[in-house]
Amino acid sequence: MNNHDALIEQLSRTAQPVQRTRPAWLRAAGWMLLALPCGFLASLLLPRGNADWSHPGALWAGLWILVSFCLGALAIGTAFTVSIAGSRGAHWRWLTALCVAWLLIGVIDVLDSTDPVGQLGDGQYCYTFMLVAGLPMIAIALAALRRTRSIRPAGSLATAGLGIAAMAQILLGFCHPVAGELIDLMMHLAAALTLVAITVLAGRRWIAL
């Protein structure tokens, strides 16, 4: 179009007001309010047990759930933060510290157990539970991230996958034996890595700018 004034007038007529994105912490809170119930409902498809909170190792199990919540909330908030171009405030050091704390608590729980190694095949239920509970959370996270897209889709999705794994760990903690086992812990880690991989692979092209 050679007539610039006509082009400007046409663009002015078709332009729509830009809606400001809500703060990352508020988006993360809304995501958790929706994703955790959906993950819980999905987990009802599996047989459930109850954690024995009278067990001597219950303190570590409860602390594991608390750290998982902090890790999940911070990871989801960070995923929403880094999806905005030029945004700052990603708490990578805190995320790393919480990941180390999560792993350390799991190791301490294993060392404090009467059967620290466990049996071959232990943890299969935990792996399945975390995947079943995490899949609806992944769908909700992708829908939320697609609203703003991301200049760094792999980083945003990997961080969101970490948060999803932590939230699935919370749900698992309420129906999981409090005594730790090494094989069981390894299956928890395998489930977390699987959820991160699924999140990245499922949404990389979908939320990329």
Protein backbone atom coordinates (compact mmCIF):
# COMPACT_ATOMS: atom_id res chain seq x y z
CA MET A 1 0.00 0.00 0.00
CA ASN A 2 1.54 3.28 -1.14
CA ASN A 3 -0.80 5.56 0.81
CA HIS A 4 0.67 5.52 4.31
CA ASP A 5 -2.15 7.62 5.79
CA ALA A 6 -4.74 5.11 4.56
CA LEU A 7 -2.69 2.25 5.98
CA ILE A 8 -2.43 3.94 9.37
CA GLU A 9 -6.16 4.64 9.38
CA GLN A 10 -6.92 1.01 8.51
CA LEU A 11 -4.65 -0.32 11.24
CA SER A 12 -6.18 2.11 13.73
CA ARG A 13 -9.67 0.79 13.00
CA THR A 14 -8.66 -2.86 13.40
CA ALA A 15 -6.37 -2.43 16.43
CA GLN A 16 -7.58 -3.97 19.68
CA PRO A 17 -6.58 -2.86 23.20
CA VAL A 18 -3.85 -4.97 24.77
CA GLN A 19 -4.85 -6.64 28.02
CA ARG A 20 -2.11 -6.49 30.62
CA THR A 21 -0.90 -9.88 31.83
CA ARG A 22 -1.49 -10.55 35.50
CA PRO A 23 1.57 -10.82 37.79
CA ALA A 24 3.35 -14.16 37.68
CA TRP A 25 2.62 -14.97 41.33
CA LEU A 26 -1.09 -14.40 40.79
CA ARG A 27 -1.10 -16.60 37.68
CA ALA A 28 0.78 -19.29 39.61
CA ALA A 29 -1.74 -19.16 42.45
CA GLY A 30 -4.63 -19.47 40.00
CA TRP A 31 -2.90 -22.36 38.27
CA MET A 32 -2.44 -24.22 41.57
CA LEU A 33 -6.06 -23.68 42.58
CA LEU A 34 -7.14 -25.33 39.33
CA ALA A 35 -4.38 -27.87 38.74
CA LEU A 36 -4.17 -29.50 42.17
CA PRO A 37 -7.88 -30.50 42.29
CA CYS A 38 -7.64 -31.80 38.72
CA GLY A 39 -4.57 -33.82 39.61
CA PHE A 40 -6.31 -35.17 42.68
CA LEU A 41 -9.39 -36.21 40.69
CA ALA A 42 -7.17 -37.93 38.13
CA SER A 43 -5.35 -39.81 40.90
CA LEU A 44 -8.67 -41.31 42.04
CA LEU A 45 -8.41 -43.59 39.01
CA LEU A 46 -5.72 -45.50 40.93
CA PRO A 47 -6.07 -47.49 44.15
CA ARG A 48 -5.11 -45.33 47.12
CA GLY A 49 -3.59 -46.02 50.50
CA ASN A 50 -3.13 -43.79 53.53
CA ALA A 51 0.11 -42.52 55.00
CA ASP A 52 0.78 -43.68 58.55
CA TRP A 53 1.50 -40.38 60.28
CA SER A 54 2.20 -42.16 63.56
CA HIS A 55 5.33 -43.71 62.03
CA PRO A 56 8.64 -42.36 63.40
CA GLY A 57 9.60 -41.17 59.91
CA ALA A 58 6.44 -39.10 59.51
CA LEU A 59 8.35 -35.90 60.32
CA TRP A 60 10.53 -36.29 57.24
CA ALA A 61 7.54 -37.25 55.09
CA GLY A 62 5.66 -34.13 56.21
CA LEU A 63 8.71 -31.96 55.61
CA TRP A 64 9.05 -33.51 52.14
CA ILE A 65 5.48 -32.43 51.31
CA LEU A 66 6.15 -28.91 52.58
CA VAL A 67 9.34 -28.54 50.53
CA SER A 68 7.53 -29.99 47.49
CA PHE A 69 4.85 -27.31 47.83
CA CYS A 70 7.43 -24.51 48.07
CA LEU A 71 9.36 -25.94 45.12
CA GLY A 72 6.24 -26.37 43.02
CA ALA A 73 4.89 -22.88 43.72
CA LEU A 74 8.24 -21.22 43.00
CA ALA A 75 8.83 -23.28 39.84
CA ILE A 76 5.42 -22.47 38.38
CA GLY A 77 5.82 -18.79 39.22
CA THR A 78 9.25 -18.79 37.59
CA ALA A 79 7.88 -20.50 34.48
CA PHE A 80 5.32 -17.72 34.08
CA THR A 81 7.97 -15.07 34.77
CA VAL A 82 10.55 -16.23 32.22
CA SER A 83 7.86 -16.60 29.55
CA ILE A 84 7.63 -12.80 29.35
CA ALA A 85 10.37 -11.22 27.22
CA GLY A 86 12.62 -8.92 29.23
CA SER A 87 11.17 -9.97 32.57
CA ARG A 88 13.33 -10.30 35.62
CA GLY A 89 12.87 -11.91 38.98
CA ALA A 90 13.51 -15.57 38.15
CA HIS A 91 14.65 -17.20 41.38
CA TRP A 92 17.07 -19.77 40.00
CA ARG A 93 19.17 -19.93 43.19
CA TRP A 94 16.12 -20.58 45.33
CA LEU A 95 14.91 -23.22 42.88
CA THR A 96 18.27 -24.96 43.03
CA ALA A 97 18.33 -24.78 46.83
CA LEU A 98 14.82 -26.26 47.08
CA CYS A 99 15.71 -29.07 44.65
CA VAL A 100 18.75 -29.92 46.78
CA ALA A 101 16.65 -29.76 49.96
CA TRP A 102 14.00 -32.02 48.40
CA LEU A 103 16.60 -34.60 47.42
CA LEU A 104 18.38 -34.35 50.78
CA ILE A 105 15.16 -34.98 52.72
CA GLY A 106 14.44 -37.99 50.54
CA VAL A 107 17.92 -39.40 51.18
CA ILE A 108 17.62 -38.83 54.93
CA ASP A 109 14.25 -40.59 54.93
CA VAL A 110 15.87 -43.53 53.13
CA LEU A 111 18.77 -43.72 55.57
CA ASP A 112 16.36 -43.54 58.51
CA SER A 113 14.29 -46.45 57.17
CA THR A 114 14.44 -50.04 58.43
CA ASP A 115 14.58 -51.19 54.79
CA PRO A 116 16.66 -48.50 53.06
CA VAL A 117 17.09 -50.26 49.70
CA GLY A 118 13.69 -51.86 49.13
CA GLN A 119 12.66 -54.56 46.69
CA LEU A 120 12.94 -54.62 42.91
CA GLY A 121 9.68 -53.26 41.53
CA ASP A 122 9.02 -50.92 44.45
CA GLY A 123 8.04 -47.47 43.28
CA GLN A 124 6.11 -48.54 40.19
CA TYR A 125 2.90 -47.33 41.79
CA CYS A 126 4.57 -44.02 42.67
CA TYR A 127 5.75 -43.56 39.10
CA THR A 128 2.28 -44.30 37.70
CA PHE A 129 0.58 -42.09 40.30
CA MET A 130 2.76 -39.07 39.54
CA LEU A 131 2.19 -39.43 35.80
CA VAL A 132 -1.58 -39.83 36.15
CA ALA A 133 -1.82 -36.86 38.54
CA GLY A 134 0.60 -34.76 36.51
CA LEU A 135 -0.89 -35.13 33.03
CA PRO A 136 -3.94 -32.88 33.61
CA MET A 137 -1.64 -30.35 35.28
CA ILE A 138 0.50 -30.32 32.14
CA ALA A 139 -2.53 -29.53 29.99
CA ILE A 140 -3.52 -26.65 32.28
CA ALA A 141 0.05 -25.30 32.33
CA LEU A 142 0.29 -25.38 28.52
CA ALA A 143 -3.01 -23.53 28.19
CA ALA A 144 -1.80 -20.88 30.65
CA LEU A 145 1.61 -20.46 28.99
CA ARG A 146 0.07 -20.26 25.52
CA ARG A 147 -1.72 -17.08 26.51
CA THR A 148 1.57 -15.16 26.59
CA ARG A 149 3.75 -17.55 24.57
CA SER A 150 7.45 -17.59 25.46
CA ILE A 151 10.65 -16.33 23.95
CA ARG A 152 12.40 -19.24 25.71
CA PRO A 153 9.85 -22.07 25.42
CA ALA A 154 12.18 -24.89 26.50
CA GLY A 155 13.19 -23.08 29.69
CA SER A 156 9.63 -22.07 30.57
CA LEU A 157 8.29 -25.57 29.93
CA ALA A 158 11.08 -27.37 31.80
CA THR A 159 10.54 -25.15 34.83
CA ALA A 160 6.78 -25.69 34.63
CA GLY A 161 7.39 -29.45 34.39
CA LEU A 162 9.47 -29.26 37.55
CA GLY A 163 6.61 -27.51 39.33
CA ILE A 164 4.13 -30.07 38.06
CA ALA A 165 6.32 -32.92 39.34
CA ALA A 166 6.51 -31.25 42.76
CA MET A 167 2.73 -30.84 42.90
CA ALA A 168 2.23 -34.50 41.93
CA GLN A 169 4.66 -35.39 44.72
CA ILE A 170 2.44 -33.54 47.20
CA LEU A 171 -0.61 -35.56 46.20
CA LEU A 172 1.40 -38.77 46.38
CA GLY A 173 2.70 -37.90 49.83
CA PHE A 174 -0.75 -38.22 51.41
CA CYS A 175 -1.21 -41.82 50.26
CA HIS A 176 2.39 -43.01 50.36
CA PRO A 177 4.20 -44.98 53.10
CA VAL A 178 6.29 -42.60 55.16
CA ALA A 179 9.24 -44.99 55.33
CA GLY A 180 11.68 -44.28 52.52
CA GLU A 181 13.41 -46.71 50.17
CA LEU A 182 16.19 -46.03 47.69
CA ILE A 183 14.44 -47.77 44.79
CA ASP A 184 11.24 -45.87 45.56
CA LEU A 185 13.13 -42.57 45.64
CA MET A 186 14.69 -43.33 42.27
CA MET A 187 11.24 -43.93 40.81
CA HIS A 188 10.09 -40.57 42.17
CA LEU A 189 13.01 -38.94 40.37
CA ALA A 190 12.24 -40.89 37.19
CA ALA A 191 8.62 -39.72 37.30
CA ALA A 192 9.73 -36.12 37.78
CA LEU A 193 12.08 -36.30 34.79
CA THR A 194 9.35 -37.92 32.70
CA LEU A 195 6.88 -35.13 33.53
CA VAL A 196 9.48 -32.49 32.64
CA ALA A 197 10.18 -34.24 29.32
CA ILE A 198 6.48 -34.58 28.47
CA THR A 199 5.85 -30.92 29.26
CA VAL A 200 8.72 -29.75 27.06
CA LEU A 201 7.91 -32.05 24.15
CA ALA A 202 4.16 -31.38 24.25
CA GLY A 203 4.36 -27.61 24.41
CA ARG A 204 7.62 -26.45 22.83
CA ARG A 205 6.13 -25.54 19.47
CA TRP A 206 2.74 -24.66 20.91
CA ILE A 207 3.93 -21.81 23.13
CA ALA A 208 6.91 -20.61 21.08
CA LEU A 209 6.71 -17.12 19.67
